[in-house]
Amino acid sequence: MKFRIKHIEKESEMAICRSMKTTIDLPESELAEAMLHTKAKTKTEAVNMAVAEYNRRQRLAKLADKMGTFKDMMTRTDLKKMREAR
């Protein structure tokens, strides 16, 4: 399935449109467990889902690193005071 989005970066577009065939050695029990958790019907689908999930978690970790770095971010105490003032 190809997605065409106007504002997609060139690198992202290549990732969507292309795939890479490779041979990897995975423990059968780990792959079977991954297939159970993901409900994937094929080994390829399970590996694709695992890689996508890993990448998603890495992006979230980078975002989490930025938390607390905003100077004007409202705290819970500020929010509570604002709600009580209503």
Protein backbone atom coordinates (compact mmCIF):
# COMPACT_ATOMS: atom_id res chain seq x y z
CA MET A 1 0.00 0.00 0.00
CA LYS A 2 1.45 3.36 -1.04
CA PHE A 3 0.58 6.60 0.70
CA ARG A 4 1.09 9.93 -1.00
CA ILE A 5 1.28 12.88 1.37
CA LYS A 6 2.31 16.28 0.02
CA HIS A 7 4.46 17.31 2.97
CA ILE A 8 6.37 14.08 3.39
CA GLU A 9 10.13 14.25 3.59
CA LYS A 10 12.13 12.53 0.86
CA GLU A 11 13.62 10.02 3.33
CA SER A 12 10.19 9.13 4.72
CA GLU A 13 8.80 8.70 1.22
CA MET A 14 11.60 6.26 0.39
CA ALA A 15 10.88 4.30 3.57
CA ILE A 16 7.21 3.96 2.64
CA CYS A 17 7.80 3.01 -0.98
CA ARG A 18 10.76 0.67 -0.59
CA SER A 19 11.52 -2.45 1.36
CA MET A 20 14.63 -4.50 1.87
CA LYS A 21 14.85 -8.25 1.71
CA THR A 22 17.26 -9.71 4.26
CA THR A 23 18.06 -12.95 6.01
CA ILE A 24 18.19 -12.89 9.79
CA ASP A 25 18.63 -15.56 12.43
CA LEU A 26 16.00 -15.21 15.17
CA PRO A 27 15.22 -17.58 18.02
CA GLU A 28 12.07 -19.43 16.96
CA SER A 29 10.50 -19.11 20.43
CA GLU A 30 10.97 -15.32 20.45
CA LEU A 31 9.47 -14.97 17.00
CA ALA A 32 6.53 -17.22 17.93
CA GLU A 33 5.89 -15.11 21.03
CA ALA A 34 6.06 -11.92 18.97
CA MET A 35 3.51 -13.37 16.57
CA LEU A 36 1.19 -14.12 19.50
CA HIS A 37 1.49 -10.61 20.95
CA THR A 38 1.08 -8.84 17.61
CA LYS A 39 -1.49 -11.30 16.23
CA ALA A 40 0.59 -11.30 13.05
CA LYS A 41 -0.22 -13.99 10.51
CA THR A 42 3.26 -14.15 9.06
CA LYS A 43 6.79 -13.93 10.42
CA THR A 44 7.48 -10.97 8.14
CA GLU A 45 4.48 -9.11 9.51
CA ALA A 46 5.60 -9.79 13.09
CA VAL A 47 9.13 -8.51 12.41
CA ASN A 48 7.76 -5.43 10.61
CA MET A 49 5.50 -4.65 13.56
CA ALA A 50 8.34 -5.15 16.04
CA VAL A 51 10.67 -2.82 14.14
CA ALA A 52 7.93 -0.19 13.77
CA GLU A 53 7.16 -0.39 17.50
CA TYR A 54 10.85 -0.09 18.38
CA ASN A 55 11.15 3.01 16.19
CA ARG A 56 7.99 4.52 17.72
CA ARG A 57 9.38 4.01 21.22
CA GLN A 58 12.67 5.63 20.25
CA ARG A 59 10.82 8.70 18.92
CA LEU A 60 8.79 8.88 22.14
CA ALA A 61 11.98 8.62 24.22
CA LYS A 62 13.47 11.58 22.32
CA LEU A 63 10.28 13.54 22.94
CA ALA A 64 10.32 12.62 26.64
CA ASP A 65 13.89 13.95 26.90
CA LYS A 66 12.51 17.37 26.00
CA MET A 67 9.97 17.30 28.84
CA GLY A 68 10.70 19.79 31.54
CA THR A 69 12.82 21.97 29.27
CA PHE A 70 10.08 24.52 28.56
CA LYS A 71 10.46 27.61 30.75
CA ASP A 72 6.83 28.72 30.60
CA MET A 73 5.25 25.28 31.04
CA MET A 74 2.30 25.23 33.45
CA THR A 75 2.76 23.04 36.53
CA ARG A 76 0.04 20.96 38.17
CA THR A 77 -0.08 23.45 41.01
CA ASP A 78 -0.62 26.32 38.54
CA LEU A 79 -3.38 24.36 36.82
CA LYS A 80 -5.08 23.58 40.13
CA LYS A 81 -4.99 27.27 41.15
CA MET A 82 -6.42 28.30 37.80
CA ARG A 83 -9.29 25.80 38.11
CA GLU A 84 -10.08 26.88 41.68
CA ALA A 85 -10.20 30.52 40.60
CA ARG A 86 -13.14 29.84 38.25
